[in-house]
Every structure is written in C-alpha cells, then in structure tokens.
Protein backbone atom coordinates (compact mmCIF):
# COMPACT_ATOMS: atom_id res chain seq x y z
CA MET A 1 134.30 106.21 96.60
CA ARG A 2 130.66 107.31 98.31
CA ILE A 3 129.27 104.19 99.57
CA ASP A 4 125.76 104.73 97.91
CA LYS A 5 127.78 104.84 94.19
CA TYR A 6 129.91 101.64 95.46
CA LEU A 7 126.92 99.84 96.10
CA TRP A 8 125.48 100.87 92.52
CA CYS A 9 128.46 100.28 90.87
CA ILE A 10 129.02 96.69 92.06
CA ARG A 11 125.46 96.03 91.33
CA PHE A 12 124.09 95.48 94.70
CA TYR A 13 121.00 97.98 94.16
CA LYS A 14 119.39 98.55 91.05
CA THR A 15 119.77 102.50 90.77
CA ARG A 16 121.40 104.72 92.99
CA SER A 17 118.70 106.65 94.48
CA ILE A 18 118.06 103.11 96.22
CA ALA A 19 120.98 102.89 97.52
CA THR A 20 120.85 106.05 98.91
CA GLN A 21 117.60 105.66 100.27
CA ALA A 22 118.62 102.35 101.88
CA CYS A 23 121.75 104.41 103.59
CA LYS A 24 119.21 106.88 104.71
CA GLN A 25 116.77 104.39 106.54
CA GLY A 26 119.70 102.47 108.31
CA LYS A 27 120.21 99.46 106.51
CA ILE A 28 124.02 100.10 105.48
CA LYS A 29 126.41 99.70 107.96
CA ILE A 30 130.31 99.59 108.29
CA SER A 31 131.84 98.24 111.15
CA ASP A 32 128.60 98.17 112.86
CA THR A 33 128.04 102.05 112.42
CA ILE A 34 125.12 103.46 110.24
CA VAL A 35 126.72 105.55 107.82
CA LYS A 36 125.37 108.19 105.69
CA PRO A 37 125.29 107.93 102.04
CA SER A 38 128.15 110.19 101.61
CA ARG A 39 130.70 107.97 103.75
CA GLU A 40 133.60 107.09 102.00
CA VAL A 41 134.56 103.19 101.19
CA TYR A 42 137.79 102.41 101.28
CA PRO A 43 139.74 98.98 100.51
CA THR A 44 139.58 96.14 103.21
CA ASP A 45 136.11 97.91 104.65
CA ILE A 46 133.38 95.62 105.55
CA ILE A 47 129.99 96.57 104.56
CA SER A 48 126.84 94.97 106.34
CA ALA A 49 123.88 95.51 104.27
CA ARG A 50 120.18 94.49 104.91
CA LYS A 51 118.17 93.39 102.14
CA ASN A 52 115.10 91.21 101.17
CA GLN A 53 115.49 89.99 104.82
CA ILE A 54 119.33 88.70 104.65
CA ASN A 55 122.27 90.57 106.34
CA TYR A 56 124.82 90.45 103.84
CA LEU A 57 128.56 91.08 104.53
CA ILE A 58 130.67 92.45 101.82
CA GLU A 59 134.30 92.93 101.91
CA VAL A 60 135.66 95.90 99.64
CA LEU A 61 138.55 95.03 97.47
CA ASP A 62 138.99 97.71 95.27
CA HIS A 63 136.75 100.86 93.65
CA PRO A 64 135.41 100.13 90.59
CA PRO A 65 136.20 103.34 87.80
CA SER A 66 132.19 103.27 86.97
CA ARG A 67 129.10 100.67 86.99
CA VAL A 68 130.55 97.43 86.12
CA GLY A 69 129.35 94.04 84.51
CA ALA A 70 128.07 91.40 86.59
CA LYS A 71 130.96 89.18 85.79
CA LEU A 72 133.55 91.87 86.83
CA VAL A 73 131.77 92.13 90.12
CA ASP A 74 133.58 90.01 91.99
CA LEU A 75 137.27 91.58 91.22
CA TYR A 76 135.99 94.54 93.25
CA ARG A 77 134.21 92.96 96.00
CA ILE A 78 134.05 89.30 98.47
CA ASP A 79 130.69 88.29 99.34
CA ARG A 80 131.11 87.06 103.04
CA THR A 81 126.93 86.27 103.75
CA PRO A 82 127.09 83.24 105.50
CA LYS A 83 124.97 80.28 103.84
CA GLU A 84 122.61 79.98 106.87
CA ALA A 85 121.16 83.62 106.15
CA PHE A 86 119.78 82.44 102.42
CA GLU A 87 118.62 78.87 104.02
CA LYS A 88 116.74 80.95 106.92
CA LEU A 89 115.11 82.82 103.54
CA ASP A 90 114.26 79.58 102.15
CA LEU A 91 112.33 78.41 105.13
CA LEU A 92 110.65 81.35 105.81
CA LYS A 93 109.06 81.34 101.84
CA TYR A 94 107.77 77.68 102.79
CA SER A 95 106.25 78.89 105.75
CA LYS A 96 104.66 82.14 104.27
CA ASP A 97 103.33 79.64 101.24
CA TYR A 98 101.58 76.51 103.62
CA TYR A 99 99.29 78.81 104.58
CA ARG A 100 97.55 81.68 103.15
CA LYS A 101 96.33 84.85 104.85
CA LYS A 102 93.29 85.04 107.36
CA GLY A 103 90.11 86.42 105.65
CA VAL A 104 91.87 86.17 102.05
CA GLY A 105 89.70 83.85 99.15
CA ARG A 106 87.50 81.30 99.71
CA PRO A 107 88.52 78.15 102.33
CA THR A 108 90.05 75.31 100.77
CA LYS A 109 88.77 71.88 101.25
CA LYS A 110 90.97 71.08 104.49
CA ASP A 111 89.61 74.56 105.88
CA ARG A 112 86.32 73.52 105.12
CA ARG A 113 86.62 70.29 106.75
CA ASP A 114 88.07 71.45 109.70
CA ILE A 115 85.06 73.85 109.98
CA ASP A 116 82.90 70.94 109.63
CA ASP A 117 84.47 68.67 112.05
CA TRP A 118 84.45 71.77 114.64
CA PHE A 119 80.66 72.31 114.16
CA GLU A 120 80.25 68.46 114.14
CA GLY A 121 82.10 68.60 117.74
CA ASP A 122 79.75 71.29 118.92
CA SER A 123 76.47 69.12 117.80
CA LYS A 124 77.96 66.09 119.51
CA LEU A 125 78.03 68.09 122.85
CA GLU A 126 74.85 69.51 122.37
CA GLU A 127 73.69 66.31 122.02
CA GLU A 128 74.86 64.80 125.23
C-alpha cells in the first residue's frame, strides 16, 4: 500500500491529497529517509511524520482494506510518539499566549505602565 494512502486510511491526514503534499514537502520519513508518496509501506516499518510541530512515530502493523473508523485505527498502527513531544507543544502554546505580537492591537495596561515607567525614568535623568 502506498504511504500517502496508508496515512489517509489510518486517519493521520484528513485527505489523501494532504498526505501526498506532506510527502512531497519531506515531512514523511521511513528509516530516516525522505519518501515519495508512491513508496510502499510494509508491516514493521516505522514512519516518522512531522505534523503540528510534533515528530510522530508510527509503527505499521497491517494494511487496512480502506479508510477505517477512528475506533479501529489502533488495529493497523502503534503510536510510538514520546510524551515529551506533546509536553513541548503545551509549553510552546503557553509561551505564545503570554505575549501578543509586537505592533498588534492597543497596549495592555501592563504595557502602558511599562511605557510610563520608562518615560518617567528618562525625565528623572534629565532633572539631575
């Protein structure tokens, strides 16, 4: 079975064309080798796929006959992704939410106070 079709069948990607595009962009690897969408997948292959800033490791158990339901996915693959990868994603989300992008929107109260303190510090230096 082709790797793009396999990733679509086990519901890793929503559409087969998205799976194909991921292969063409070099986000899918088997044994640390970037693969084409037409590469055949065999049981015991370990697929490394980068999606949403996480490197997933998927072990192939069997080929599904067609796209399977979400409850049956574990019959055809084992997810060997380390838990640390998901923890890093959570930390990344928290760090991005803490500060907004520079130049976007009005200053918050904290930003305004910091600006006022900075300007007051300059005026105190000029008085001396």
